[in-house]
Amino acid sequence: MSSHFPHAAFLPFASVTPTATPAAIFVPRSPVWRRLREAATYAALIACGLFTLAITLTILFVLARESWDFFAHPHPDAQGNLEQVTVGGFFGDLSWNPLLGGKKHFGIWPLVLGTLKVTAIAMAFALPLGLITAVWLAEYASKRARTILKPILELLAGIPTVVFGFFALTVITPLLAMDFGAIHPSLAFLTHTDGAGHTQPHNPLGLGVYNALSAGIAVGILCLPIVTSMAEDAVRAVPKALREGAYGLGASKFETSVRVVVPAALSGIISAFLLAISRAIGETMVVALAAGSKPVEMLDPEGALAWRSIFSINDDVQAMTGYMVERFKGDAPHGTVEFASSFAVAATLFIITLALTLAGNAIRKRFRQVYA
């Protein structure tokens, strides 16, 4: 019997081995080309890192040079008089009056206090609300709700900060002052009419057009996505075994979230908080538009500390970033002491944010927990 079966293709268990075509033959890549491509990628990454480092060092050099020039040499003021500012006077004076006639004061603390006021209000709004939202998204929200709500919340980070500034002026301040007619004429009936027949807002907080409270709330809204997103990632990174262990010991879902999950994610939560604080301190457009341009008066006419002005949040304040915006808009001519003081203020702001970053790294390492 012949071993060749002409009808093997019709048998149910017959197999036909395909013939390899030239296109299907594997051709190994050249090792020289692979090494060149890896070297080019590595060089591009190194170039990007060096470019970032060069920008940072350039900024530091400009700040250091201009700040040294501000303290080392006298500068003419807007009236042509020479003014000498010392480091002791810059950090020891409690008044900031760079544009007034006569004796000028360049004490940085009123600007620092104005920045801290806005930052404290912003963090009082953003930190607890952001943490609660992050825990809810990570522990309680369904997958569908998380998929929908988290991108919507993160869209706030893409809104220009100047929009938040106008929002504080046109919405937040009228709401806090109960001046509903300023929001929309159709809401004017919610205000009250005085004895002369004039429509007046209720304004129980005594807010002015510019104030630290509305600017702080706007900055808090701006920082809310940072806190929520980073804290939610930290909470979700906690191993599931910790939750299951807590449930096995009889803990409720709320007790597990508060007493187990949040402490385990504390390192990431603190990092989110410190990043939001640094973001609030460096915010520019919101405070320039909504906070005002009046430095905090830390001393009363008798020279004593003006406690009401120091702790007031319904008056207009000037932050460090707001002062720099005013100077660089052209209010002070180039080369004057008022213009040069902006670099000293910027250097102080840089030192504050650098200190926050270093403290944040130390705290993060202190509370960091590593799971196998």
Protein backbone atom coordinates (compact mmCIF):
# COMPACT_ATOMS: atom_id res chain seq x y z
CA MET A 1 0.00 0.00 0.00
CA SER A 2 1.33 3.39 -0.85
CA SER A 3 2.08 5.70 2.06
CA HIS A 4 0.72 8.63 0.12
CA PHE A 5 -3.00 9.28 0.72
CA PRO A 6 -4.31 11.66 -1.95
CA HIS A 7 -7.45 12.45 0.05
CA ALA A 8 -5.80 13.28 3.38
CA ALA A 9 -7.22 16.83 3.31
CA PHE A 10 -10.71 15.41 3.80
CA LEU A 11 -9.85 13.41 6.91
CA PRO A 12 -10.99 14.99 10.21
CA PHE A 13 -7.63 14.60 11.95
CA ALA A 14 -5.37 15.36 9.05
CA SER A 15 -3.02 18.33 9.40
CA VAL A 16 -1.19 20.21 6.75
CA THR A 17 2.01 22.00 7.68
CA PRO A 18 2.04 25.50 6.14
CA THR A 19 5.03 26.46 4.12
CA ALA A 20 6.87 29.49 5.50
CA THR A 21 6.90 32.45 3.17
CA PRO A 22 9.88 34.81 2.96
CA ALA A 23 7.83 37.59 4.62
CA ALA A 24 7.20 35.46 7.70
CA ILE A 25 10.86 34.73 8.33
CA PHE A 26 12.10 36.56 11.48
CA VAL A 27 14.87 39.02 10.77
CA PRO A 28 16.73 40.10 13.95
CA ARG A 29 17.25 43.84 14.44
CA SER A 30 20.68 45.23 14.19
CA PRO A 31 22.30 45.56 17.64
CA VAL A 32 24.13 48.66 16.45
CA TRP A 33 20.84 50.42 15.60
CA ARG A 34 19.35 49.37 18.95
CA ARG A 35 22.31 50.75 20.87
CA LEU A 36 22.18 54.02 18.91
CA ARG A 37 18.47 54.44 19.62
CA GLU A 38 18.94 53.74 23.36
CA ALA A 39 21.85 56.17 23.49
CA ALA A 40 19.79 58.88 21.77
CA THR A 41 16.89 58.35 24.19
CA TYR A 42 19.24 58.48 27.18
CA ALA A 43 20.87 61.67 25.86
CA ALA A 44 17.46 63.30 25.34
CA LEU A 45 16.43 62.50 28.92
CA ILE A 46 19.71 63.84 30.28
CA ALA A 47 19.29 67.02 28.19
CA CYS A 48 15.78 67.57 29.57
CA GLY A 49 17.01 67.13 33.12
CA LEU A 50 19.94 69.49 32.59
CA PHE A 51 17.67 72.06 30.95
CA THR A 52 15.36 72.03 33.98
CA LEU A 53 18.33 72.31 36.33
CA ALA A 54 19.74 75.20 34.30
CA ILE A 55 16.44 77.11 34.50
CA THR A 56 16.29 76.61 38.27
CA LEU A 57 19.88 77.72 38.76
CA THR A 58 19.30 80.76 36.53
CA ILE A 59 16.30 81.81 38.61
CA LEU A 60 18.31 81.40 41.80
CA PHE A 61 21.19 83.40 40.34
CA VAL A 62 18.93 86.29 39.28
CA LEU A 63 17.18 86.38 42.67
CA ALA A 64 20.45 86.26 44.58
CA ARG A 65 22.13 88.90 42.43
CA GLU A 66 19.23 91.36 42.47
CA SER A 67 18.58 90.87 46.18
CA TRP A 68 22.24 91.45 46.97
CA ASP A 69 22.21 94.60 44.86
CA PHE A 70 19.06 95.78 46.65
CA PHE A 71 20.67 95.50 50.09
CA ALA A 72 24.25 96.41 49.16
CA HIS A 73 23.70 99.69 47.30
CA PRO A 74 21.38 102.66 47.74
CA HIS A 75 18.74 103.15 45.05
CA PRO A 76 16.83 106.26 44.03
CA ASP A 77 13.13 106.32 44.80
CA ALA A 78 10.39 107.63 42.54
CA GLN A 79 11.16 111.20 43.70
CA GLY A 80 14.91 110.86 43.02
CA ASN A 81 16.02 110.54 46.67
CA LEU A 82 18.51 107.81 47.53
CA GLU A 83 17.23 105.07 49.82
CA GLN A 84 19.39 102.47 51.55
CA VAL A 85 17.64 99.32 52.78
CA THR A 86 19.50 96.96 55.09
CA VAL A 87 18.82 93.33 55.85
CA GLY A 88 18.07 94.25 59.45
CA GLY A 89 15.56 96.85 58.41
CA PHE A 90 13.98 94.50 55.89
CA PHE A 91 13.36 91.77 58.47
CA GLY A 92 13.11 93.97 61.55
CA ASP A 93 10.67 96.67 60.49
CA LEU A 94 6.94 96.00 60.91
CA SER A 95 5.77 98.55 58.33
CA TRP A 96 5.71 98.38 54.55
CA ASN A 97 5.25 101.77 52.90
CA PRO A 98 7.50 101.86 49.84
CA LEU A 99 5.59 104.47 47.81
CA LEU A 100 4.72 107.09 50.42
CA GLY A 101 6.49 110.41 50.52
CA GLY A 102 8.92 111.14 53.29
CA LYS A 103 10.22 108.22 55.32
CA LYS A 104 9.73 104.93 53.53
CA HIS A 105 9.47 101.55 55.25
CA PHE A 106 10.54 98.24 53.75
CA GLY A 107 9.62 95.76 56.48
CA ILE A 108 8.60 92.50 54.83
CA TRP A 109 6.34 91.22 57.63
CA PRO A 110 3.10 92.99 56.56
CA LEU A 111 3.37 91.29 53.16
CA VAL A 112 4.20 87.95 54.78
CA LEU A 113 1.22 88.33 57.10
CA GLY A 114 -1.08 89.12 54.17
CA THR A 115 0.14 86.00 52.39
CA LEU A 116 -0.35 83.87 55.50
CA LYS A 117 -3.88 85.20 55.98
CA VAL A 118 -4.97 84.17 52.51
CA THR A 119 -3.15 80.84 52.81
CA ALA A 120 -4.68 80.01 56.20
CA ILE A 121 -8.20 80.72 54.96
CA ALA A 122 -7.58 78.70 51.81
CA MET A 123 -6.25 75.71 53.73
CA ALA A 124 -9.07 75.86 56.27
CA PHE A 125 -11.38 75.40 53.30
CA ALA A 126 -9.40 73.03 51.04
CA LEU A 127 -7.69 70.60 53.42
CA PRO A 128 -10.67 69.15 55.33
CA LEU A 129 -13.00 69.25 52.33
CA GLY A 130 -10.38 67.73 50.05
CA LEU A 131 -9.53 64.95 52.51
CA ILE A 132 -13.19 64.08 53.10
CA THR A 133 -13.81 64.01 49.36
CA ALA A 134 -10.74 61.83 48.81
CA VAL A 135 -11.82 59.29 51.46
CA TRP A 136 -15.32 59.18 50.00
CA LEU A 137 -14.03 58.63 46.47
CA ALA A 138 -11.63 55.90 47.56
CA GLU A 139 -13.72 54.06 50.13
CA TYR A 140 -17.41 54.74 49.56
CA ALA A 141 -18.05 55.85 45.98
CA SER A 142 -18.93 53.29 43.35
CA LYS A 143 -16.62 52.74 40.42
CA ARG A 144 -19.04 54.53 38.10
CA ALA A 145 -19.34 57.54 40.42
CA ARG A 146 -15.56 57.72 40.83
CA THR A 147 -15.04 57.55 37.08
CA ILE A 148 -17.42 60.45 36.54
CA LEU A 149 -16.70 62.70 39.52
CA LYS A 150 -12.91 62.58 39.73
CA PRO A 151 -12.28 63.94 36.20
CA ILE A 152 -14.88 66.63 36.79
CA LEU A 153 -13.13 67.66 40.00
CA GLU A 154 -9.74 67.67 38.32
CA LEU A 155 -11.08 70.01 35.64
CA LEU A 156 -10.85 72.77 38.26
CA ALA A 157 -7.07 72.53 37.97
CA GLY A 158 -7.30 73.54 34.31
CA ILE A 159 -9.28 76.72 34.90
CA PRO A 160 -7.08 79.86 34.59
CA THR A 161 -6.40 81.47 37.94
CA VAL A 162 -7.54 84.86 36.67
CA VAL A 163 -11.02 83.34 36.36
CA PHE A 164 -10.95 82.45 40.05
CA GLY A 165 -9.95 86.03 40.82
CA PHE A 166 -12.94 87.48 38.97
CA PHE A 167 -15.14 84.78 40.50
CA ALA A 168 -14.08 85.95 43.96
CA LEU A 169 -14.87 89.57 43.07
CA THR A 170 -18.19 89.01 41.36
CA VAL A 171 -19.64 86.01 43.23
CA ILE A 172 -17.88 85.10 46.50
CA THR A 173 -17.61 88.63 47.93
CA PRO A 174 -21.24 89.57 47.10
CA LEU A 175 -22.44 86.28 48.59
CA LEU A 176 -20.52 86.82 51.82
CA ALA A 177 -21.74 90.43 51.96
CA MET A 178 -25.27 89.33 51.03
CA ASP A 179 -25.20 91.79 48.14
CA PHE A 180 -27.22 89.56 45.86
CA GLY A 181 -28.08 92.41 43.52
CA ALA A 182 -24.41 92.66 42.58
CA ILE A 183 -24.50 89.05 41.39
CA HIS A 184 -27.58 89.57 39.23
CA PRO A 185 -30.18 92.38 39.12
CA SER A 186 -33.00 89.85 39.46
CA LEU A 187 -31.73 89.03 42.98
CA ALA A 188 -31.87 92.63 44.22
CA PHE A 189 -35.09 91.92 46.13
CA LEU A 190 -33.02 89.84 48.59
CA THR A 191 -31.23 92.95 49.84
CA HIS A 192 -32.81 95.47 52.22
CA THR A 193 -33.80 99.10 51.78
CA ASP A 194 -32.59 101.76 54.21
CA GLY A 195 -34.58 104.71 55.52
CA ALA A 196 -33.69 106.85 52.52
CA GLY A 197 -35.04 104.23 50.11
CA HIS A 198 -31.63 103.06 48.93
CA THR A 199 -30.98 99.35 48.42
CA GLN A 200 -28.18 98.18 50.69
CA PRO A 201 -26.60 94.75 51.23
CA HIS A 202 -26.89 93.21 54.67
CA ASN A 203 -23.10 92.66 54.94
CA PRO A 204 -22.97 91.15 58.45
CA LEU A 205 -19.23 90.52 58.16
CA GLY A 206 -18.42 94.10 57.16
CA LEU A 207 -16.58 93.01 54.03
CA GLY A 208 -15.08 95.50 51.65
CA VAL A 209 -14.81 95.06 47.91
CA TYR A 210 -11.35 93.58 48.43
CA ASN A 211 -10.79 91.31 51.41
CA ALA A 212 -8.73 88.36 52.54
CA LEU A 213 -11.73 86.10 53.17
CA SER A 214 -13.07 85.90 49.63
CA ALA A 215 -9.56 85.67 48.17
CA GLY A 216 -8.73 82.84 50.57
CA ILE A 217 -11.88 80.91 49.65
CA ALA A 218 -11.08 81.31 45.94
CA VAL A 219 -7.54 80.04 46.50
CA GLY A 220 -9.00 77.16 48.52
CA ILE A 221 -11.22 76.19 45.58
CA LEU A 222 -8.14 76.40 43.38
CA CYS A 223 -6.19 74.03 45.66
CA LEU A 224 -9.05 71.58 46.19
CA PRO A 225 -8.21 69.34 43.18
CA ILE A 226 -4.60 69.02 44.35
CA VAL A 227 -5.59 67.84 47.81
CA THR A 228 -8.36 65.54 46.60
CA SER A 229 -6.42 63.87 43.79
CA MET A 230 -3.20 63.23 45.72
CA ALA A 231 -4.96 62.20 48.93
CA GLU A 232 -7.27 59.85 47.03
CA ASP A 233 -4.29 58.19 45.36
CA ALA A 234 -2.63 57.77 48.75
CA VAL A 235 -5.75 56.24 50.30
CA ARG A 236 -6.27 53.83 47.41
CA ALA A 237 -2.62 52.72 47.67
CA VAL A 238 -3.24 51.27 51.15
CA PRO A 239 -3.17 47.44 50.85
CA LYS A 240 -6.50 45.70 50.89
CA ALA A 241 -5.24 43.31 53.56
CA LEU A 242 -5.31 46.10 56.16
CA ARG A 243 -8.97 46.74 55.45
CA GLU A 244 -9.82 43.05 55.58
CA GLY A 245 -7.96 42.68 58.87
CA ALA A 246 -9.92 45.55 60.38
CA TYR A 247 -13.19 44.07 59.15
CA GLY A 248 -12.18 40.73 60.62
CA LEU A 249 -11.73 42.35 64.02
CA GLY A 250 -15.26 43.73 63.87
CA ALA A 251 -14.57 47.30 62.78
CA SER A 252 -17.18 49.13 60.75
CA LYS A 253 -16.43 50.70 57.39
CA PHE A 254 -16.23 54.17 58.94
CA GLU A 255 -13.89 52.98 61.71
CA THR A 256 -11.72 51.21 59.16
CA SER A 257 -11.50 54.32 57.00
CA VAL A 258 -10.73 56.71 59.87
CA ARG A 259 -8.58 54.56 62.16
CA VAL A 260 -6.80 52.27 59.71
CA VAL A 261 -6.78 53.57 56.15
CA VAL A 262 -6.17 57.27 56.77
CA PRO A 263 -3.28 56.70 59.26
CA ALA A 264 -1.74 54.21 56.83
CA ALA A 265 -1.92 56.81 54.03
CA LEU A 266 -0.71 59.65 56.24
CA SER A 267 2.56 60.15 54.34
CA GLY A 268 0.80 60.77 51.04
CA ILE A 269 -1.89 62.90 52.66
CA ILE A 270 0.73 65.14 54.30
CA SER A 271 2.51 65.49 50.97
CA ALA A 272 -0.77 66.59 49.39
CA PHE A 273 -1.35 69.12 52.17
CA LEU A 274 2.12 70.63 51.89
CA LEU A 275 1.90 70.85 48.11
CA ALA A 276 -1.42 72.66 48.43
CA ILE A 277 0.06 75.06 50.99
CA SER A 278 2.97 75.85 48.69
CA ARG A 279 0.51 76.37 45.83
CA ALA A 280 -1.55 78.76 47.92
CA ILE A 281 1.47 80.76 49.07
CA GLY A 282 2.67 81.21 45.50
CA GLU A 283 -0.75 82.07 44.02
CA THR A 284 -0.64 85.41 42.22
CA MET A 285 -3.67 86.38 40.14
CA VAL A 286 -6.36 85.60 42.72
CA VAL A 287 -4.74 87.68 45.45
CA ALA A 288 -3.82 90.43 43.00
CA LEU A 289 -7.45 90.76 41.88
CA ALA A 290 -9.47 89.94 45.01
CA ALA A 291 -7.30 90.48 48.10
CA GLY A 292 -6.44 94.14 47.58
CA SER A 293 -3.29 96.24 47.57
CA LYS A 294 -3.08 97.54 51.12
CA PRO A 295 -0.37 96.01 53.33
CA VAL A 296 -1.46 94.92 56.78
CA GLU A 297 -0.99 97.68 59.33
CA MET A 298 0.79 95.83 62.11
CA LEU A 299 1.40 98.96 64.22
CA ASP A 300 -1.10 101.52 65.44
CA PRO A 301 -0.30 105.27 65.49
CA GLU A 302 1.19 104.90 68.99
CA GLY A 303 3.61 102.21 67.80
CA ALA A 304 1.91 99.27 69.52
CA LEU A 305 0.81 96.12 67.77
CA ALA A 306 -2.53 96.57 66.03
CA TRP A 307 -4.07 93.21 66.91
CA ARG A 308 -7.36 93.89 65.17
CA SER A 309 -5.64 94.61 61.88
CA ILE A 310 -3.32 91.62 62.30
CA PHE A 311 -6.15 89.10 62.73
CA SER A 312 -8.79 90.79 60.56
CA ILE A 313 -9.96 88.84 57.52
CA ASN A 314 -12.62 91.24 56.22
CA ASP A 315 -10.19 94.03 55.24
CA ASP A 316 -8.13 94.21 52.08
CA VAL A 317 -4.59 92.89 52.33
CA GLN A 318 -1.57 92.74 50.07
CA ALA A 319 0.32 89.49 49.62
CA MET A 320 3.90 89.14 48.47
CA THR A 321 2.87 87.97 45.02
CA GLY A 322 0.33 90.79 44.73
CA TYR A 323 3.03 93.35 45.50
CA MET A 324 5.32 91.93 42.81
CA VAL A 325 2.52 92.11 40.25
CA GLU A 326 1.96 95.78 41.02
CA ARG A 327 5.64 96.64 40.75
CA PHE A 328 6.23 94.79 37.49
CA LYS A 329 3.13 96.32 35.90
CA GLY A 330 5.10 99.55 35.60
CA ASP A 331 3.96 101.43 38.69
CA ALA A 332 7.60 101.90 39.71
CA PRO A 333 10.29 102.85 37.17
CA HIS A 334 13.07 100.39 36.52
CA GLY A 335 16.11 100.96 38.72
CA THR A 336 14.23 102.55 41.61
CA VAL A 337 14.22 101.18 45.12
CA GLU A 338 10.55 100.26 44.78
CA PHE A 339 11.28 98.15 41.70
CA ALA A 340 14.37 96.53 43.25
CA SER A 341 12.43 95.60 46.37
CA SER A 342 10.39 93.14 44.30
CA PHE A 343 13.40 90.86 43.97
CA ALA A 344 13.95 90.86 47.73
CA VAL A 345 10.28 89.97 48.21
CA ALA A 346 10.60 87.21 45.60
CA ALA A 347 13.68 85.82 47.33
CA THR A 348 11.80 85.76 50.64
CA LEU A 349 8.92 83.93 48.99
CA PHE A 350 11.35 81.41 47.53
CA ILE A 351 12.93 80.79 50.94
CA ILE A 352 9.49 80.18 52.48
CA THR A 353 8.47 77.69 49.80
CA LEU A 354 11.87 75.97 49.98
CA ALA A 355 11.51 75.59 53.74
CA LEU A 356 8.05 74.10 53.24
CA THR A 357 9.44 71.63 50.70
CA LEU A 358 12.26 70.53 53.00
CA ALA A 359 9.88 70.20 55.93
CA GLY A 360 7.49 68.22 53.75
CA ASN A 361 10.22 65.75 52.76
CA ALA A 362 11.23 65.28 56.39
CA ILE A 363 7.63 64.74 57.51
CA ARG A 364 6.94 62.37 54.62
CA LYS A 365 9.95 60.24 55.53
CA ARG A 366 8.92 60.31 59.18
CA PHE A 367 5.43 58.95 58.55
CA ARG A 368 6.19 56.82 55.51
CA GLN A 369 5.04 53.19 55.71
CA VAL A 370 6.31 50.53 53.32
CA TYR A 371 4.26 47.41 52.71
CA ALA A 372 5.65 44.22 51.27
